[in-house]
Amino acid sequence: MMRQGKSRRHGIVNRRPAAPSKAVHLGMQITFAVAATLITAALAIAVGTYRRRRAPAGH
């Protein structure tokens, strides 16, 4: 019952022609920036760890 009510509300919101407010857009930009930073950091750490493990002991 609750889910149906929520989906109906979301449907009404999505049909509204008005563009999202600046605050919402700014929030989305911040969210994407943080996500991109975390992904980049995770990749850098993963690659660095992988390279260190793969490096020969003598070199």
PDB file of N, CA and C in Angstrom:
ATOM      1  N   MET A   1       0.836  -1.207   0.000  1.00  0.00           N
ATOM      2  CA  MET A   1       0.000   0.000   0.000  1.00  0.00           C
ATOM      3  C   MET A   1       0.873   1.260   0.000  1.00  0.00           C
ATOM      4  N   MET A   2       1.875   1.275   0.860  1.00  0.00           N
ATOM      5  CA  MET A   2       2.743   2.454   0.972  1.00  0.00           C
ATOM      6  C   MET A   2       3.508   2.702  -0.332  1.00  0.00           C
ATOM      7  N   ARG A   3       4.026   1.640  -0.922  1.00  0.00           N
ATOM      8  CA  ARG A   3       4.824   1.783  -2.143  1.00  0.00           C
ATOM      9  C   ARG A   3       3.993   2.381  -3.272  1.00  0.00           C
ATOM     10  N   GLN A   4       2.742   1.931  -3.396  1.00  0.00           N
ATOM     11  CA  GLN A   4       1.884   2.454  -4.459  1.00  0.00           C
ATOM     12  C   GLN A   4       1.690   3.960  -4.281  1.00  0.00           C
ATOM     13  N   GLY A   5       1.453   4.391  -3.039  1.00  0.00           N
ATOM     14  CA  GLY A   5       1.265   5.813  -2.773  1.00  0.00           C
ATOM     15  C   GLY A   5       2.503   6.611  -3.141  1.00  0.00           C
ATOM     16  N   LYS A   6       3.663   6.088  -2.773  1.00  0.00           N
ATOM     17  CA  LYS A   6       4.921   6.775  -3.082  1.00  0.00           C
ATOM     18  C   LYS A   6       5.123   6.888  -4.589  1.00  0.00           C
ATOM     19  N   SER A   7       4.914   5.776  -5.308  1.00  0.00           N
ATOM     20  CA  SER A   7       5.136   5.788  -6.758  1.00  0.00           C
ATOM     21  C   SER A   7       4.182   6.777  -7.424  1.00  0.00           C
ATOM     22  N   ARG A   8       2.960   6.869  -6.921  1.00  0.00           N
ATOM     23  CA  ARG A   8       2.001   7.824  -7.490  1.00  0.00           C
ATOM     24  C   ARG A   8       2.504   9.250  -7.287  1.00  0.00           C
ATOM     25  N   ARG A   9       3.001   9.512  -6.083  1.00  0.00           N
ATOM     26  CA  ARG A   9       3.511  10.851  -5.787  1.00  0.00           C
ATOM     27  C   ARG A   9       4.692  11.182  -6.696  1.00  0.00           C
ATOM     28  N   HIS A  10       5.595  10.231  -6.855  1.00  0.00           N
ATOM     29  CA  HIS A  10       6.763  10.451  -7.715  1.00  0.00           C
ATOM     30  C   HIS A  10       6.330  10.700  -9.149  1.00  0.00           C
ATOM     31  N   GLY A  11       5.303   9.982  -9.603  1.00  0.00           N
ATOM     32  CA  GLY A  11       4.803  10.162 -10.969  1.00  0.00           C
ATOM     33  C   GLY A  11       4.318  11.580 -11.180  1.00  0.00           C
ATOM     34  N   ILE A  12       3.613  12.123 -10.181  1.00  0.00           N
ATOM     35  CA  ILE A  12       3.097  13.492 -10.283  1.00  0.00           C
ATOM     36  C   ILE A  12       4.266  14.479 -10.327  1.00  0.00           C
ATOM     37  N   VAL A  13       5.257  14.259  -9.477  1.00  0.00           N
ATOM     38  CA  VAL A  13       6.421  15.149  -9.423  1.00  0.00           C
ATOM     39  C   VAL A  13       7.162  15.125 -10.761  1.00  0.00           C
ATOM     40  N   ASN A  14       7.337  13.932 -11.322  1.00  0.00           N
ATOM     41  CA  ASN A  14       8.068  13.798 -12.583  1.00  0.00           C
ATOM     42  C   ASN A  14       7.337  14.456 -13.743  1.00  0.00           C
ATOM     43  N   ARG A  15       5.997  14.509 -13.690  1.00  0.00           N
ATOM     44  CA  ARG A  15       5.229  15.092 -14.786  1.00  0.00           C
ATOM     45  C   ARG A  15       5.273  16.622 -14.766  1.00  0.00           C
ATOM     46  N   ARG A  16       5.688  17.172 -13.640  1.00  0.00           N
ATOM     47  CA  ARG A  16       5.727  18.637 -13.521  1.00  0.00           C
ATOM     48  C   ARG A  16       6.747  19.209 -14.511  1.00  0.00           C
ATOM     49  N   PRO A  17       6.381  20.204 -15.334  1.00  0.00           N
ATOM     50  CA  PRO A  17       7.295  20.730 -16.362  1.00  0.00           C
ATOM     51  C   PRO A  17       8.402  21.621 -15.810  1.00  0.00           C
ATOM     52  N   ALA A  18       8.230  22.118 -14.574  1.00  0.00           N
ATOM     53  CA  ALA A  18       9.213  23.041 -14.001  1.00  0.00           C
ATOM     54  C   ALA A  18      10.575  22.370 -13.858  1.00  0.00           C
ATOM     55  N   ALA A  19      11.640  23.122 -14.165  1.00  0.00           N
ATOM     56  CA  ALA A  19      13.004  22.601 -14.044  1.00  0.00           C
ATOM     57  C   ALA A  19      13.381  22.517 -12.564  1.00  0.00           C
ATOM     58  N   PRO A  20      14.323  21.633 -12.206  1.00  0.00           N
ATOM     59  CA  PRO A  20      14.747  21.536 -10.808  1.00  0.00           C
ATOM     60  C   PRO A  20      15.386  22.845 -10.337  1.00  0.00           C
ATOM     61  N   SER A  21      15.204  23.154  -9.064  1.00  0.00           N
ATOM     62  CA  SER A  21      15.735  24.405  -8.527  1.00  0.00           C
ATOM     63  C   SER A  21      17.263  24.391  -8.527  1.00  0.00           C
ATOM     64  N   LYS A  22      17.848  25.571  -8.337  1.00  0.00           N
ATOM     65  CA  LYS A  22      19.313  25.682  -8.327  1.00  0.00           C
ATOM     66  C   LYS A  22      19.911  24.879  -7.178  1.00  0.00           C
ATOM     67  N   ALA A  23      19.214  24.863  -6.040  1.00  0.00           N
ATOM     68  CA  ALA A  23      19.716  24.124  -4.879  1.00  0.00           C
ATOM     69  C   ALA A  23      19.822  22.636  -5.198  1.00  0.00           C
ATOM     70  N   VAL A  24      18.802  22.099  -5.865  1.00  0.00           N
ATOM     71  CA  VAL A  24      18.807  20.678  -6.228  1.00  0.00           C
ATOM     72  C   VAL A  24      19.945  20.411  -7.201  1.00  0.00           C
ATOM     73  N   HIS A  25      20.109  21.306  -8.181  1.00  0.00           N
ATOM     74  CA  HIS A  25      21.162  21.131  -9.183  1.00  0.00           C
ATOM     75  C   HIS A  25      22.537  21.183  -8.519  1.00  0.00           C
ATOM     76  N   LEU A  26      22.712  22.121  -7.599  1.00  0.00           N
ATOM     77  CA  LEU A  26      23.989  22.247  -6.889  1.00  0.00           C
ATOM     78  C   LEU A  26      24.257  20.984  -6.069  1.00  0.00           C
ATOM     79  N   GLY A  27      23.224  20.491  -5.405  1.00  0.00           N
ATOM     80  CA  GLY A  27      23.367  19.266  -4.630  1.00  0.00           C
ATOM     81  C   GLY A  27      23.783  18.095  -5.495  1.00  0.00           C
ATOM     82  N   MET A  28      23.188  17.997  -6.684  1.00  0.00           N
ATOM     83  CA  MET A  28      23.536  16.924  -7.612  1.00  0.00           C
ATOM     84  C   MET A  28      24.989  17.058  -8.054  1.00  0.00           C
ATOM     85  N   GLN A  29      25.414  18.289  -8.340  1.00  0.00           N
ATOM     86  CA  GLN A  29      26.799  18.518  -8.772  1.00  0.00           C
ATOM     87  C   GLN A  29      27.775  18.104  -7.677  1.00  0.00           C
ATOM     88  N   ILE A  30      27.468  18.478  -6.431  1.00  0.00           N
ATOM     89  CA  ILE A  30      28.336  18.126  -5.305  1.00  0.00           C
ATOM     90  C   ILE A  30      28.385  16.606  -5.150  1.00  0.00           C
ATOM     91  N   THR A  31      27.212  15.964  -5.259  1.00  0.00           N
ATOM     92  CA  THR A  31      27.143  14.503  -5.121  1.00  0.00           C
ATOM     93  C   THR A  31      28.002  13.827  -6.180  1.00  0.00           C
ATOM     94  N   PHE A  32      27.873  14.292  -7.435  1.00  0.00           N
ATOM     95  CA  PHE A  32      28.656  13.699  -8.524  1.00  0.00           C
ATOM     96  C   PHE A  32      30.149  13.954  -8.323  1.00  0.00           C
ATOM     97  N   ALA A  33      30.510  15.158  -7.857  1.00  0.00           N
ATOM     98  CA  ALA A  33      31.921  15.482  -7.640  1.00  0.00           C
ATOM     99  C   ALA A  33      32.515  14.575  -6.561  1.00  0.00           C
ATOM    100  N   VAL A  34      31.780  14.391  -5.468  1.00  0.00           N
ATOM    101  CA  VAL A  34      32.251  13.530  -4.375  1.00  0.00           C
ATOM    102  C   VAL A  34      32.382  12.092  -4.861  1.00  0.00           C
ATOM    103  N   ALA A  35      31.379  11.627  -5.616  1.00  0.00           N
ATOM    104  CA  ALA A  35      31.407  10.256  -6.134  1.00  0.00           C
ATOM    105  C   ALA A  35      32.617  10.062  -7.051  1.00  0.00           C
ATOM    106  N   ALA A  36      32.858  11.031  -7.939  1.00  0.00           N
ATOM    107  CA  ALA A  36      33.986  10.937  -8.869  1.00  0.00           C
ATOM    108  C   ALA A  36      35.311  10.916  -8.101  1.00  0.00           C
ATOM    109  N   THR A  37      35.411  11.753  -7.063  1.00  0.00           N
ATOM    110  CA  THR A  37      36.632  11.797  -6.255  1.00  0.00           C
ATOM    111  C   THR A  37      36.874  10.460  -5.562  1.00  0.00           C
ATOM    112  N   LEU A  38      35.810   9.896  -4.988  1.00  0.00           N
ATOM    113  CA  LEU A  38      35.942   8.615  -4.289  1.00  0.00           C
ATOM    114  C   LEU A  38      36.343   7.507  -5.254  1.00  0.00           C
ATOM    115  N   ILE A  39      35.730   7.489  -6.438  1.00  0.00           N
ATOM    116  CA  ILE A  39      36.052   6.464  -7.440  1.00  0.00           C
ATOM    117  C   ILE A  39      37.514   6.603  -7.878  1.00  0.00           C
ATOM    118  N   THR A  40      37.942   7.852  -8.140  1.00  0.00           N
ATOM    119  CA  THR A  40      39.322   8.094  -8.574  1.00  0.00           C
ATOM    120  C   THR A  40      40.308   7.653  -7.490  1.00  0.00           C
ATOM    121  N   ALA A  41      40.016   8.011  -6.247  1.00  0.00           N
ATOM    122  CA  ALA A  41      40.894   7.636  -5.139  1.00  0.00           C
ATOM    123  C   ALA A  41      40.958   6.118  -4.992  1.00  0.00           C
ATOM    124  N   ALA A  42      39.806   5.464  -5.089  1.00  0.00           N
ATOM    125  CA  ALA A  42      39.762   4.005  -4.958  1.00  0.00           C
ATOM    126  C   ALA A  42      40.582   3.341  -6.064  1.00  0.00           C
ATOM    127  N   LEU A  43      40.449   3.845  -7.282  1.00  0.00           N
ATOM    128  CA  LEU A  43      41.212   3.289  -8.408  1.00  0.00           C
ATOM    129  C   LEU A  43      42.711   3.503  -8.194  1.00  0.00           C
ATOM    130  N   ALA A  44      43.095   4.703  -7.765  1.00  0.00           N
ATOM    131  CA  ALA A  44      44.512   5.009  -7.546  1.00  0.00           C
ATOM    132  C   ALA A  44      45.102   4.088  -6.478  1.00  0.00           C
ATOM    133  N   ILE A  45      44.373   3.893  -5.393  1.00  0.00           N
ATOM    134  CA  ILE A  45      44.850   3.017  -4.312  1.00  0.00           C
ATOM    135  C   ILE A  45      44.957   1.578  -4.812  1.00  0.00           C
ATOM    136  N   ALA A  46      43.931   1.139  -5.559  1.00  0.00           N
ATOM    137  CA  ALA A  46      43.925  -0.238  -6.078  1.00  0.00           C
ATOM    138  C   ALA A  46      45.105  -0.462  -7.022  1.00  0.00           C
ATOM    139  N   VAL A  47      45.342   0.476  -7.931  1.00  0.00           N
ATOM    140  CA  VAL A  47      46.447   0.351  -8.892  1.00  0.00           C
ATOM    141  C   VAL A  47      47.786   0.385  -8.157  1.00  0.00           C
ATOM    142  N   GLY A  48      47.934   1.306  -7.215  1.00  0.00           N
ATOM    143  CA  GLY A  48      49.175   1.416  -6.453  1.00  0.00           C
ATOM    144  C   GLY A  48      49.475   0.148  -5.673  1.00  0.00           C
ATOM    145  N   THR A  49      48.457  -0.397  -5.022  1.00  0.00           N
ATOM    146  CA  THR A  49      48.629  -1.641  -4.262  1.00  0.00           C
ATOM    147  C   THR A  49      48.982  -2.785  -5.197  1.00  0.00           C
ATOM    148  N   TYR A  50      48.300  -2.840  -6.335  1.00  0.00           N
ATOM    149  CA  TYR A  50      48.543  -3.916  -7.312  1.00  0.00           C
ATOM    150  C   TYR A  50      49.974  -3.852  -7.826  1.00  0.00           C
ATOM    151  N   ARG A  51      50.438  -2.650  -8.159  1.00  0.00           N
ATOM    152  CA  ARG A  51      51.801  -2.485  -8.689  1.00  0.00           C
ATOM    153  C   ARG A  51      52.839  -2.854  -7.638  1.00  0.00           C
ATOM    154  N   ARG A  52      52.604  -2.461  -6.394  1.00  0.00           N
ATOM    155  CA  ARG A  52      53.550  -2.759  -5.324  1.00  0.00           C
ATOM    156  C   ARG A  52      53.653  -4.266  -5.109  1.00  0.00           C
ATOM    157  N   ARG A  53      52.530  -4.942  -5.144  1.00  0.00           N
ATOM    158  CA  ARG A  53      52.532  -6.393  -4.937  1.00  0.00           C
ATOM    159  C   ARG A  53      53.217  -7.111  -6.091  1.00  0.00           C
ATOM    160  N   ARG A  54      53.031  -6.593  -7.315  1.00  0.00           N
ATOM    161  CA  ARG A  54      53.566  -7.248  -8.507  1.00  0.00           C
ATOM    162  C   ARG A  54      55.063  -6.994  -8.687  1.00  0.00           C
ATOM    163  N   ALA A  55      55.579  -5.939  -8.058  1.00  0.00           N
ATOM    164  CA  ALA A  55      56.993  -5.577  -8.245  1.00  0.00           C
ATOM    165  C   ALA A  55      57.904  -6.693  -7.728  1.00  0.00           C
ATOM    166  N   PRO A  56      58.953  -6.996  -8.472  1.00  0.00           N
ATOM    167  CA  PRO A  56      59.902  -8.036  -8.022  1.00  0.00           C
ATOM    168  C   PRO A  56      60.594  -7.619  -6.728  1.00  0.00           C
ATOM    169  N   ALA A  57      60.933  -8.592  -5.890  1.00  0.00           N
ATOM    170  CA  ALA A  57      61.514  -8.308  -4.577  1.00  0.00           C
ATOM    171  C   ALA A  57      62.891  -7.658  -4.694  1.00  0.00           C
ATOM    172  N   GLY A  58      63.675  -8.023  -5.701  1.00  0.00           N
ATOM    173  CA  GLY A  58      65.043  -7.522  -5.837  1.00  0.00           C
ATOM    174  C   GLY A  58      65.142  -6.100  -6.350  1.00  0.00           C
ATOM    175  N   HIS A  59      64.097  -5.582  -6.953  1.00  0.00           N
ATOM    176  CA  HIS A  59      64.193  -4.260  -7.584  1.00  0.00           C
ATOM    177  C   HIS A  59      63.551  -3.213  -6.766  1.00  0.00           C
TER     178      HIS A  59
END
